[in-house]
Amino acid sequence: MGETETLLVDARAQVKAALEAMDTQTSFALQADFAPTPPRGNTVVWGEWANVTTRCPVVDRLTFQVDIYAENRTARQELSQAVNRALTDMGLKRIYASADLYEDVGQGCYCKRFRFARKVDKRSMRLID
C-alpha cells in the first residue's frame, strides 16, 4: 500500500471555519467534539462522525455531525438554515436531518441534528460523488 492509500483525510479545520463564519443574526457558541457538558443558550456542537475507507483505496468518505441547541424555535430555525448553507456551500451533502425536537437537556432547549458527508479523492483532495 502506498502513502496515498494510508493517508487519513482531515477536514475538521475547514468545517470549523465554515461554522465560525456562518451568516446568521442569531448569536451562538460553537462547541466541538460533543463535550459532555449540557449546552447553555444557543449552541452549535459539531464533530467528525465517521472517516472511512471505501472500496477504492484512494477514496475516503467523511461524515460530520452538527447538533443545534437553541433557546427558542426561531433561533433553532435560523441556526439550522445557517448550518445547512455553510456546510453545503463548502461542498458537503446533507445526508440526515432530525425532526425538530424539544429536549430536557440542561435548562431545556429546542434541538436539531444534521449529518453532512462526501467522498474525497485522496490523490487530489477533491470532493467527489
N, C-alpha and C. Protein backbone atom coordinates (compact mmCIF):
# COMPACT_ATOMS: atom_id res chain seq x y z
N MET A 1 0.84 -1.18 0.00
CA MET A 1 0.00 0.00 0.00
C MET A 1 0.88 1.24 0.00
N GLY A 2 0.51 2.22 -0.82
CA GLY A 2 1.29 3.44 -0.91
C GLY A 2 0.86 4.49 0.10
N GLU A 3 1.58 5.60 0.08
CA GLU A 3 1.31 6.69 1.03
C GLU A 3 -0.09 7.27 0.85
N THR A 4 -0.55 7.40 -0.38
CA THR A 4 -1.89 7.95 -0.63
C THR A 4 -2.97 7.08 -0.03
N GLU A 5 -2.84 5.78 -0.17
CA GLU A 5 -3.85 4.85 0.34
C GLU A 5 -3.95 4.88 1.85
N THR A 6 -2.85 5.16 2.55
CA THR A 6 -2.85 5.16 4.01
C THR A 6 -3.08 6.55 4.62
N LEU A 7 -3.22 7.54 3.79
CA LEU A 7 -3.44 8.91 4.26
C LEU A 7 -4.80 9.04 4.94
N LEU A 8 -4.84 9.67 6.10
CA LEU A 8 -6.09 9.96 6.80
C LEU A 8 -6.50 11.39 6.46
N VAL A 9 -7.60 11.53 5.76
CA VAL A 9 -8.09 12.86 5.37
C VAL A 9 -8.66 13.55 6.60
N ASP A 10 -8.30 14.79 6.81
CA ASP A 10 -8.78 15.55 7.97
C ASP A 10 -9.32 16.89 7.50
N ALA A 11 -10.62 17.05 7.52
CA ALA A 11 -11.26 18.29 7.08
C ALA A 11 -11.88 19.06 8.24
N ARG A 12 -11.50 18.72 9.46
CA ARG A 12 -12.10 19.38 10.62
C ARG A 12 -11.84 20.89 10.65
N ALA A 13 -10.67 21.32 10.27
CA ALA A 13 -10.37 22.76 10.29
C ALA A 13 -11.27 23.52 9.32
N GLN A 14 -11.52 22.94 8.14
CA GLN A 14 -12.39 23.59 7.16
C GLN A 14 -13.84 23.64 7.64
N VAL A 15 -14.31 22.57 8.27
CA VAL A 15 -15.69 22.56 8.79
C VAL A 15 -15.82 23.58 9.91
N LYS A 16 -14.87 23.61 10.81
CA LYS A 16 -14.90 24.60 11.91
C LYS A 16 -14.92 26.02 11.36
N ALA A 17 -14.08 26.30 10.39
CA ALA A 17 -14.03 27.65 9.80
C ALA A 17 -15.36 28.01 9.15
N ALA A 18 -15.98 27.06 8.46
CA ALA A 18 -17.27 27.31 7.82
C ALA A 18 -18.35 27.61 8.86
N LEU A 19 -18.34 26.88 9.96
CA LEU A 19 -19.33 27.11 11.01
C LEU A 19 -19.07 28.44 11.74
N GLU A 20 -17.82 28.77 11.96
CA GLU A 20 -17.48 30.05 12.61
C GLU A 20 -17.90 31.24 11.75
N ALA A 21 -17.88 31.07 10.44
CA ALA A 21 -18.19 32.17 9.51
C ALA A 21 -19.66 32.20 9.10
N MET A 22 -20.52 31.42 9.76
CA MET A 22 -21.93 31.35 9.36
C MET A 22 -22.57 32.73 9.37
N ASP A 23 -23.39 32.97 8.35
CA ASP A 23 -24.12 34.22 8.21
C ASP A 23 -25.47 34.08 8.92
N THR A 24 -25.53 34.57 10.16
CA THR A 24 -26.76 34.49 10.94
C THR A 24 -26.87 35.67 11.89
N GLN A 25 -28.10 36.08 12.14
CA GLN A 25 -28.35 37.16 13.10
C GLN A 25 -28.41 36.61 14.53
N THR A 26 -28.51 35.30 14.67
CA THR A 26 -28.61 34.67 15.99
C THR A 26 -27.21 34.41 16.54
N SER A 27 -26.95 34.92 17.73
CA SER A 27 -25.65 34.66 18.34
C SER A 27 -25.63 33.22 18.86
N PHE A 28 -24.45 32.61 18.84
CA PHE A 28 -24.33 31.22 19.25
C PHE A 28 -22.91 30.92 19.70
N ALA A 29 -22.79 29.90 20.52
CA ALA A 29 -21.48 29.38 20.91
C ALA A 29 -21.19 28.17 20.03
N LEU A 30 -19.94 28.01 19.65
CA LEU A 30 -19.53 26.86 18.85
C LEU A 30 -18.73 25.92 19.75
N GLN A 31 -19.17 24.68 19.82
CA GLN A 31 -18.55 23.69 20.70
C GLN A 31 -18.18 22.47 19.87
N ALA A 32 -16.97 21.97 20.06
CA ALA A 32 -16.51 20.82 19.27
C ALA A 32 -16.51 19.54 20.08
N ASP A 33 -16.55 18.44 19.35
CA ASP A 33 -16.30 17.11 19.90
C ASP A 33 -17.35 16.60 20.88
N PHE A 34 -18.56 17.07 20.80
CA PHE A 34 -19.66 16.51 21.59
C PHE A 34 -19.30 16.41 23.07
N ALA A 35 -18.86 17.54 23.63
CA ALA A 35 -18.48 17.59 25.04
C ALA A 35 -19.66 17.18 25.92
N PRO A 36 -19.40 16.53 27.05
CA PRO A 36 -20.48 16.02 27.88
C PRO A 36 -21.25 17.08 28.65
N THR A 37 -20.78 18.31 28.66
CA THR A 37 -21.50 19.36 29.41
C THR A 37 -22.75 19.78 28.66
N PRO A 38 -23.86 19.99 29.37
CA PRO A 38 -25.09 20.44 28.69
C PRO A 38 -24.88 21.82 28.07
N PRO A 39 -25.43 22.03 26.90
CA PRO A 39 -25.28 23.35 26.25
C PRO A 39 -26.07 24.41 27.01
N ARG A 40 -25.59 25.64 26.95
CA ARG A 40 -26.29 26.77 27.55
C ARG A 40 -26.52 27.79 26.46
N GLY A 41 -27.74 28.26 26.34
CA GLY A 41 -28.05 29.24 25.31
C GLY A 41 -28.01 28.58 23.94
N ASN A 42 -27.86 29.40 22.91
CA ASN A 42 -27.78 28.89 21.54
C ASN A 42 -26.39 28.31 21.32
N THR A 43 -26.33 27.02 21.03
CA THR A 43 -25.05 26.33 20.89
C THR A 43 -25.08 25.43 19.67
N VAL A 44 -24.01 25.46 18.89
CA VAL A 44 -23.83 24.57 17.76
C VAL A 44 -22.66 23.66 18.13
N VAL A 45 -22.96 22.36 18.23
CA VAL A 45 -21.96 21.36 18.59
C VAL A 45 -21.66 20.54 17.34
N TRP A 46 -20.39 20.37 17.03
CA TRP A 46 -20.04 19.68 15.79
C TRP A 46 -18.87 18.74 16.02
N GLY A 47 -18.72 17.78 15.12
CA GLY A 47 -17.59 16.88 15.18
C GLY A 47 -17.59 15.93 14.00
N GLU A 48 -16.47 15.26 13.84
CA GLU A 48 -16.36 14.26 12.79
C GLU A 48 -17.11 13.02 13.26
N TRP A 49 -18.07 12.58 12.48
CA TRP A 49 -18.89 11.42 12.84
C TRP A 49 -18.24 10.13 12.33
N ALA A 50 -17.70 10.17 11.11
CA ALA A 50 -17.05 8.99 10.53
C ALA A 50 -16.03 9.42 9.50
N ASN A 51 -15.01 8.60 9.35
CA ASN A 51 -13.96 8.81 8.36
C ASN A 51 -13.55 7.42 7.92
N VAL A 52 -14.13 6.95 6.83
CA VAL A 52 -13.95 5.55 6.44
C VAL A 52 -13.39 5.40 5.04
N THR A 53 -12.68 4.32 4.85
CA THR A 53 -12.17 3.95 3.55
C THR A 53 -13.29 3.32 2.74
N THR A 54 -13.31 3.57 1.46
CA THR A 54 -14.30 2.96 0.58
C THR A 54 -13.66 1.78 -0.13
N ARG A 55 -14.38 1.20 -1.07
CA ARG A 55 -13.82 0.07 -1.85
C ARG A 55 -12.63 0.50 -2.69
N CYS A 56 -12.58 1.79 -2.98
CA CYS A 56 -11.45 2.34 -3.74
C CYS A 56 -10.43 2.85 -2.72
N PRO A 57 -9.21 2.34 -2.70
CA PRO A 57 -8.25 2.69 -1.66
C PRO A 57 -7.80 4.15 -1.64
N VAL A 58 -8.07 4.90 -2.69
CA VAL A 58 -7.68 6.32 -2.68
C VAL A 58 -8.89 7.22 -2.46
N VAL A 59 -10.01 6.65 -2.01
CA VAL A 59 -11.22 7.44 -1.75
C VAL A 59 -11.71 7.15 -0.34
N ASP A 60 -11.90 8.20 0.45
CA ASP A 60 -12.48 8.09 1.79
C ASP A 60 -13.84 8.78 1.81
N ARG A 61 -14.69 8.38 2.74
CA ARG A 61 -15.98 9.04 2.94
C ARG A 61 -15.94 9.70 4.32
N LEU A 62 -16.12 11.01 4.32
CA LEU A 62 -16.13 11.79 5.56
C LEU A 62 -17.56 12.14 5.93
N THR A 63 -17.89 12.05 7.20
CA THR A 63 -19.21 12.43 7.68
C THR A 63 -19.02 13.30 8.92
N PHE A 64 -19.74 14.41 8.95
CA PHE A 64 -19.72 15.32 10.10
C PHE A 64 -21.12 15.43 10.67
N GLN A 65 -21.20 15.51 11.99
CA GLN A 65 -22.48 15.70 12.64
C GLN A 65 -22.50 17.08 13.29
N VAL A 66 -23.64 17.76 13.18
CA VAL A 66 -23.83 19.06 13.80
C VAL A 66 -25.14 19.01 14.58
N ASP A 67 -25.06 19.32 15.87
CA ASP A 67 -26.24 19.40 16.73
C ASP A 67 -26.48 20.85 17.09
N ILE A 68 -27.73 21.27 16.97
CA ILE A 68 -28.11 22.64 17.32
C ILE A 68 -28.96 22.59 18.57
N TYR A 69 -28.61 23.39 19.55
CA TYR A 69 -29.38 23.57 20.78
C TYR A 69 -29.74 25.05 20.86
N ALA A 70 -31.02 25.34 20.85
CA ALA A 70 -31.45 26.74 20.78
C ALA A 70 -32.44 27.08 21.90
N GLU A 71 -32.46 28.36 22.24
CA GLU A 71 -33.33 28.83 23.31
C GLU A 71 -34.80 28.87 22.89
N ASN A 72 -35.06 28.98 21.58
CA ASN A 72 -36.43 29.04 21.11
C ASN A 72 -36.51 28.49 19.68
N ARG A 73 -37.72 28.33 19.20
CA ARG A 73 -37.91 27.75 17.85
C ARG A 73 -37.32 28.62 16.76
N THR A 74 -37.44 29.93 16.90
CA THR A 74 -36.93 30.85 15.88
C THR A 74 -35.41 30.72 15.76
N ALA A 75 -34.72 30.67 16.88
CA ALA A 75 -33.26 30.52 16.86
C ALA A 75 -32.87 29.18 16.25
N ARG A 76 -33.62 28.12 16.59
CA ARG A 76 -33.33 26.80 16.03
C ARG A 76 -33.46 26.84 14.51
N GLN A 77 -34.52 27.47 14.01
CA GLN A 77 -34.74 27.52 12.57
C GLN A 77 -33.64 28.34 11.87
N GLU A 78 -33.29 29.48 12.44
CA GLU A 78 -32.27 30.32 11.81
C GLU A 78 -30.90 29.63 11.83
N LEU A 79 -30.55 29.00 12.95
CA LEU A 79 -29.27 28.30 13.01
C LEU A 79 -29.26 27.09 12.09
N SER A 80 -30.41 26.41 11.95
CA SER A 80 -30.50 25.28 11.02
C SER A 80 -30.22 25.72 9.60
N GLN A 81 -30.83 26.82 9.19
CA GLN A 81 -30.59 27.34 7.84
C GLN A 81 -29.12 27.73 7.66
N ALA A 82 -28.55 28.38 8.67
CA ALA A 82 -27.16 28.84 8.57
C ALA A 82 -26.19 27.66 8.49
N VAL A 83 -26.40 26.63 9.31
CA VAL A 83 -25.54 25.44 9.28
C VAL A 83 -25.64 24.76 7.92
N ASN A 84 -26.86 24.57 7.44
CA ASN A 84 -27.05 23.92 6.14
C ASN A 84 -26.35 24.69 5.03
N ARG A 85 -26.52 26.01 5.02
CA ARG A 85 -25.86 26.85 4.00
C ARG A 85 -24.35 26.74 4.09
N ALA A 86 -23.82 26.85 5.30
CA ALA A 86 -22.36 26.87 5.49
C ALA A 86 -21.72 25.57 5.00
N LEU A 87 -22.32 24.44 5.36
CA LEU A 87 -21.67 23.18 5.01
C LEU A 87 -21.98 22.72 3.59
N THR A 88 -23.15 23.03 3.07
CA THR A 88 -23.39 22.69 1.66
C THR A 88 -22.60 23.62 0.75
N ASP A 89 -22.39 24.87 1.16
CA ASP A 89 -21.57 25.79 0.36
C ASP A 89 -20.12 25.31 0.27
N MET A 90 -19.64 24.59 1.29
CA MET A 90 -18.26 24.08 1.21
C MET A 90 -18.19 22.75 0.45
N GLY A 91 -19.35 22.25 -0.01
CA GLY A 91 -19.36 21.07 -0.88
C GLY A 91 -19.85 19.80 -0.24
N LEU A 92 -20.18 19.84 1.05
CA LEU A 92 -20.71 18.64 1.69
C LEU A 92 -22.18 18.47 1.33
N LYS A 93 -22.67 17.24 1.41
CA LYS A 93 -24.07 16.95 1.13
C LYS A 93 -24.78 16.59 2.43
N ARG A 94 -25.96 17.15 2.63
CA ARG A 94 -26.74 16.82 3.82
C ARG A 94 -27.32 15.42 3.63
N ILE A 95 -26.99 14.50 4.53
CA ILE A 95 -27.49 13.13 4.41
C ILE A 95 -28.51 12.80 5.50
N TYR A 96 -28.67 13.67 6.48
CA TYR A 96 -29.63 13.41 7.55
C TYR A 96 -29.99 14.73 8.22
N ALA A 97 -31.27 14.88 8.53
CA ALA A 97 -31.75 15.98 9.36
C ALA A 97 -32.82 15.40 10.27
N SER A 98 -32.67 15.60 11.56
CA SER A 98 -33.63 15.06 12.52
C SER A 98 -34.92 15.85 12.48
N ALA A 99 -35.89 15.34 13.20
CA ALA A 99 -37.11 16.11 13.43
C ALA A 99 -36.77 17.30 14.33
N ASP A 100 -37.59 18.32 14.30
CA ASP A 100 -37.44 19.43 15.24
C ASP A 100 -37.89 18.91 16.61
N LEU A 101 -37.02 19.04 17.61
CA LEU A 101 -37.29 18.46 18.92
C LEU A 101 -37.16 19.49 20.03
N TYR A 102 -37.78 19.18 21.16
CA TYR A 102 -37.52 19.90 22.40
C TYR A 102 -36.98 18.86 23.36
N GLU A 103 -35.80 19.11 23.91
CA GLU A 103 -35.19 18.16 24.84
C GLU A 103 -35.00 18.80 26.19
N ASP A 104 -35.14 17.99 27.21
CA ASP A 104 -34.96 18.45 28.58
C ASP A 104 -33.51 18.28 29.00
N VAL A 105 -32.60 18.86 28.21
CA VAL A 105 -31.17 18.79 28.48
C VAL A 105 -30.76 20.09 29.15
N GLY A 106 -30.03 20.00 30.23
CA GLY A 106 -29.63 21.23 30.92
C GLY A 106 -30.86 21.99 31.36
N GLN A 107 -31.05 23.18 30.80
CA GLN A 107 -32.21 24.00 31.15
C GLN A 107 -33.35 23.81 30.16
N GLY A 108 -33.23 22.83 29.27
CA GLY A 108 -34.26 22.60 28.25
C GLY A 108 -33.94 23.42 27.02
N CYS A 109 -34.11 22.83 25.84
CA CYS A 109 -33.77 23.56 24.62
C CYS A 109 -34.43 22.92 23.40
N TYR A 110 -34.50 23.70 22.34
CA TYR A 110 -35.00 23.25 21.06
C TYR A 110 -33.81 22.71 20.27
N CYS A 111 -33.97 21.53 19.69
CA CYS A 111 -32.82 20.82 19.11
C CYS A 111 -33.07 20.42 17.65
N LYS A 112 -31.96 20.27 16.95
CA LYS A 112 -31.96 19.77 15.58
C LYS A 112 -30.59 19.12 15.35
N ARG A 113 -30.57 17.99 14.64
CA ARG A 113 -29.31 17.30 14.35
C ARG A 113 -29.19 17.11 12.84
N PHE A 114 -27.99 17.38 12.35
CA PHE A 114 -27.68 17.19 10.93
C PHE A 114 -26.46 16.29 10.79
N ARG A 115 -26.40 15.59 9.65
CA ARG A 115 -25.17 14.93 9.23
C ARG A 115 -24.91 15.33 7.79
N PHE A 116 -23.66 15.62 7.52
CA PHE A 116 -23.20 16.01 6.19
C PHE A 116 -22.05 15.09 5.81
N ALA A 117 -22.02 14.67 4.55
CA ALA A 117 -20.97 13.73 4.13
C ALA A 117 -20.55 13.98 2.70
N ARG A 118 -19.42 13.40 2.36
CA ARG A 118 -18.92 13.47 1.00
C ARG A 118 -17.73 12.54 0.86
N LYS A 119 -17.53 12.02 -0.33
CA LYS A 119 -16.34 11.23 -0.63
C LYS A 119 -15.23 12.19 -1.05
N VAL A 120 -14.00 11.82 -0.70
CA VAL A 120 -12.82 12.63 -1.03
C VAL A 120 -11.82 11.76 -1.77
N ASP A 121 -11.37 12.26 -2.92
CA ASP A 121 -10.29 11.59 -3.65
C ASP A 121 -8.99 12.05 -2.99
N LYS A 122 -8.29 11.13 -2.34
CA LYS A 122 -7.09 11.48 -1.57
C LYS A 122 -5.91 11.91 -2.44
N ARG A 123 -5.94 11.58 -3.72
CA ARG A 123 -4.85 12.00 -4.61
C ARG A 123 -4.88 13.50 -4.87
N SER A 124 -6.09 14.05 -4.97
CA SER A 124 -6.22 15.48 -5.28
C SER A 124 -6.88 16.28 -4.16
N MET A 125 -7.42 15.58 -3.15
CA MET A 125 -8.18 16.18 -2.05
C MET A 125 -9.42 16.88 -2.54
N ARG A 126 -9.96 16.40 -3.66
CA ARG A 126 -11.21 16.95 -4.22
C ARG A 126 -12.39 16.14 -3.74
N LEU A 127 -13.50 16.84 -3.50
CA LEU A 127 -14.75 16.17 -3.16
C LEU A 127 -15.31 15.54 -4.42
N ILE A 128 -15.78 14.30 -4.30
CA ILE A 128 -16.35 13.61 -5.45
C ILE A 128 -17.66 12.96 -5.04
N ASP A 129 -18.41 12.50 -5.97
CA ASP A 129 -19.68 11.76 -5.90
C ASP A 129 -20.86 12.64 -6.09
